[in-house]
């Protein structure tokens, strides 16, 4: 098994850097080598750059293109008049639907 204490850090300077374990989980990687391969791919397509890496510590930051991609992912809104509700439809659930789901769907 790969060691996780390699000092991997991806920073945006807007939030604390996630731990290596958090990055592995967030990227659905199975192990550190998978995460490192993914980071290399993202660097190769120009979305991440090295930001002061040293021996035993990789520090990456978004490039201008990376920031554009982050923004596009954060601001993407889907306009829809539909909602899907998965629940047990029974008269005992009427209040939950009327007072919970409907107001939430209307606000969305």
C-alpha atoms as a PDB file:
ATOM      1  CA  UNK A   1       0.000   0.000   0.000  1.00  0.00           C
ATOM      2  CA  UNK A   2       1.203   3.524  -0.785  1.00  0.00           C
ATOM      3  CA  UNK A   3       2.088   5.807   2.060  1.00  0.00           C
ATOM      4  CA  UNK A   4      -0.272   8.748   2.468  1.00  0.00           C
ATOM      5  CA  UNK A   5       2.025  11.137   4.295  1.00  0.00           C
ATOM      6  CA  UNK A   6       3.799  12.493   1.212  1.00  0.00           C
ATOM      7  CA  UNK A   7       2.799  16.081   1.828  1.00  0.00           C
ATOM      8  CA  UNK A   8       0.625  16.392  -1.261  1.00  0.00           C
ATOM      9  CA  UNK A   9      -1.137  19.741  -1.304  1.00  0.00           C
ATOM     10  CA  UNK A  10      -3.455  21.322  -3.828  1.00  0.00           C
ATOM     11  CA  UNK A  11      -4.252  24.874  -2.904  1.00  0.00           C
ATOM     12  CA  UNK A  12      -6.619  27.563  -4.095  1.00  0.00           C
ATOM     13  CA  UNK A  13      -5.738  30.044  -1.329  1.00  0.00           C
ATOM     14  CA  UNK A  14      -9.489  30.323  -0.679  1.00  0.00           C
ATOM     15  CA  UNK A  15      -9.866  27.250   1.485  1.00  0.00           C
ATOM     16  CA  UNK A  16      -7.653  25.032   3.602  1.00  0.00           C
ATOM     17  CA  UNK A  17      -5.777  22.492   1.529  1.00  0.00           C
ATOM     18  CA  UNK A  18      -7.423  19.073   1.660  1.00  0.00           C
ATOM     19  CA  UNK A  19      -5.444  16.186   3.072  1.00  0.00           C
ATOM     20  CA  UNK A  20      -4.068  13.499   0.802  1.00  0.00           C
ATOM     21  CA  UNK A  21      -6.704  11.122   2.157  1.00  0.00           C
ATOM     22  CA  UNK A  22      -9.472  13.626   1.344  1.00  0.00           C
ATOM     23  CA  UNK A  23      -8.142  14.034  -2.205  1.00  0.00           C
ATOM     24  CA  UNK A  24      -8.034  10.274  -2.706  1.00  0.00           C
ATOM     25  CA  UNK A  25     -11.644   9.996  -1.526  1.00  0.00           C
ATOM     26  CA  UNK A  26     -12.887  13.018  -3.486  1.00  0.00           C
ATOM     27  CA  UNK A  27     -11.374  11.736  -6.734  1.00  0.00           C
ATOM     28  CA  UNK A  28     -12.560   8.158  -6.227  1.00  0.00           C
ATOM     29  CA  UNK A  29      -8.966   6.998  -6.366  1.00  0.00           C
ATOM     30  CA  UNK A  30      -8.153   3.653  -4.801  1.00  0.00           C
ATOM     31  CA  UNK A  31      -4.618   4.552  -3.776  1.00  0.00           C
ATOM     32  CA  UNK A  32      -2.073   7.324  -3.834  1.00  0.00           C
ATOM     33  CA  UNK A  33      -0.571   6.287  -7.172  1.00  0.00           C
ATOM     34  CA  UNK A  34      -4.016   6.667  -8.808  1.00  0.00           C
ATOM     35  CA  UNK A  35      -4.357  10.170  -7.393  1.00  0.00           C
ATOM     36  CA  UNK A  36      -0.872  11.144  -8.570  1.00  0.00           C
ATOM     37  CA  UNK A  37      -1.657   9.849 -12.079  1.00  0.00           C
ATOM     38  CA  UNK A  38      -4.871  11.883 -12.124  1.00  0.00           C
ATOM     39  CA  UNK A  39      -3.033  15.011 -10.988  1.00  0.00           C
ATOM     40  CA  UNK A  40      -0.488  14.492 -13.771  1.00  0.00           C
ATOM     41  CA  UNK A  41      -3.292  14.241 -16.343  1.00  0.00           C
ATOM     42  CA  UNK A  42      -4.900  17.444 -15.067  1.00  0.00           C
ATOM     43  CA  UNK A  43      -1.501  19.170 -15.181  1.00  0.00           C
ATOM     44  CA  UNK A  44      -0.929  17.880 -18.733  1.00  0.00           C
ATOM     45  CA  UNK A  45      -4.192  19.407 -19.962  1.00  0.00           C
ATOM     46  CA  UNK A  46      -3.213  22.727 -18.396  1.00  0.00           C
ATOM     47  CA  UNK A  47      -5.630  23.028 -15.476  1.00  0.00           C
ATOM     48  CA  UNK A  48      -3.038  22.668 -12.673  1.00  0.00           C
ATOM     49  CA  UNK A  49       0.511  23.914 -12.313  1.00  0.00           C
ATOM     50  CA  UNK A  50       3.333  23.232  -9.886  1.00  0.00           C
ATOM     51  CA  UNK A  51       3.402  25.852  -7.146  1.00  0.00           C
ATOM     52  CA  UNK A  52       6.599  25.484  -5.212  1.00  0.00           C
ATOM     53  CA  UNK A  53       7.026  21.728  -5.044  1.00  0.00           C
ATOM     54  CA  UNK A  54       9.963  20.435  -2.986  1.00  0.00           C
ATOM     55  CA  UNK A  55      11.352  17.003  -2.238  1.00  0.00           C
ATOM     56  CA  UNK A  56       8.603  14.955  -0.618  1.00  0.00           C
ATOM     57  CA  UNK A  57       5.980  17.642  -1.108  1.00  0.00           C
ATOM     58  CA  UNK A  58       3.913  18.382  -4.205  1.00  0.00           C
ATOM     59  CA  UNK A  59       2.085  21.701  -4.213  1.00  0.00           C
ATOM     60  CA  UNK A  60      -0.240  22.454  -7.119  1.00  0.00           C
ATOM     61  CA  UNK A  61      -2.446  25.424  -7.922  1.00  0.00           C
ATOM     62  CA  UNK A  62      -5.077  26.054 -10.591  1.00  0.00           C
ATOM     63  CA  UNK A  63      -3.898  27.770 -13.762  1.00  0.00           C
ATOM     64  CA  UNK A  64      -5.985  30.501 -15.397  1.00  0.00           C
ATOM     65  CA  UNK A  65      -7.706  27.793 -17.440  1.00  0.00           C
ATOM     66  CA  UNK A  66      -8.168  25.802 -14.228  1.00  0.00           C
ATOM     67  CA  UNK A  67      -9.890  28.747 -12.537  1.00  0.00           C
ATOM     68  CA  UNK A  68     -12.173  29.139 -15.564  1.00  0.00           C
ATOM     69  CA  UNK A  69     -13.085  25.459 -15.331  1.00  0.00           C
ATOM     70  CA  UNK A  70     -13.730  25.708 -11.582  1.00  0.00           C
ATOM     71  CA  UNK A  71     -15.973  28.722 -12.141  1.00  0.00           C
ATOM     72  CA  UNK A  72     -17.902  27.013 -14.930  1.00  0.00           C
ATOM     73  CA  UNK A  73     -18.531  23.994 -12.702  1.00  0.00           C
ATOM     74  CA  UNK A  74     -19.666  26.158  -9.780  1.00  0.00           C
ATOM     75  CA  UNK A  75     -22.003  28.395 -11.753  1.00  0.00           C
ATOM     76  CA  UNK A  76     -23.618  25.816 -13.988  1.00  0.00           C
ATOM     77  CA  UNK A  77     -27.337  26.019 -13.319  1.00  0.00           C
ATOM     78  CA  UNK A  78     -29.914  23.792 -14.889  1.00  0.00           C
ATOM     79  CA  UNK A  79     -33.205  25.478 -15.605  1.00  0.00           C
ATOM     80  CA  UNK A  80     -36.002  22.977 -15.193  1.00  0.00           C
ATOM     81  CA  UNK A  81     -39.658  22.955 -14.293  1.00  0.00           C
ATOM     82  CA  UNK A  82     -39.451  19.352 -13.094  1.00  0.00           C
ATOM     83  CA  UNK A  83     -38.434  17.625  -9.888  1.00  0.00           C
ATOM     84  CA  UNK A  84     -38.136  13.991  -8.916  1.00  0.00           C
ATOM     85  CA  UNK A  85     -39.311  12.900  -5.492  1.00  0.00           C
ATOM     86  CA  UNK A  86     -38.508   9.419  -4.249  1.00  0.00           C
ATOM     87  CA  UNK A  87     -40.629   8.597  -1.246  1.00  0.00           C
ATOM     88  CA  UNK A  88     -43.323   6.275  -0.030  1.00  0.00           C
ATOM     89  CA  UNK A  89     -46.619   7.678  -1.237  1.00  0.00           C
ATOM     90  CA  UNK A  90     -49.060   7.029   1.549  1.00  0.00           C
ATOM     91  CA  UNK A  91     -51.504   9.307   3.343  1.00  0.00           C
ATOM     92  CA  UNK A  92     -49.192   9.298   6.379  1.00  0.00           C
ATOM     93  CA  UNK A  93     -46.544  11.075   4.259  1.00  0.00           C
ATOM     94  CA  UNK A  94     -48.844  13.924   3.192  1.00  0.00           C
ATOM     95  CA  UNK A  95     -47.496  16.457   5.692  1.00  0.00           C
ATOM     96  CA  UNK A  96     -43.879  15.642   4.839  1.00  0.00           C
ATOM     97  CA  UNK A  97     -44.602  16.125   1.147  1.00  0.00           C
ATOM     98  CA  UNK A  98     -46.732  19.270   1.534  1.00  0.00           C
ATOM     99  CA  UNK A  99     -44.623  20.982   4.213  1.00  0.00           C
ATOM    100  CA  UNK A 100     -41.183  19.679   3.280  1.00  0.00           C
ATOM    101  CA  UNK A 101     -40.748  18.653  -0.324  1.00  0.00           C
ATOM    102  CA  UNK A 102     -43.076  21.145  -2.021  1.00  0.00           C
ATOM    103  CA  UNK A 103     -41.550  24.299  -0.404  1.00  0.00           C
ATOM    104  CA  UNK A 104     -38.032  23.034  -1.121  1.00  0.00           C
ATOM    105  CA  UNK A 105     -38.860  22.272  -4.740  1.00  0.00           C
ATOM    106  CA  UNK A 106     -40.551  25.662  -5.173  1.00  0.00           C
ATOM    107  CA  UNK A 107     -37.481  27.471  -3.793  1.00  0.00           C
ATOM    108  CA  UNK A 108     -35.175  25.523  -6.097  1.00  0.00           C
END
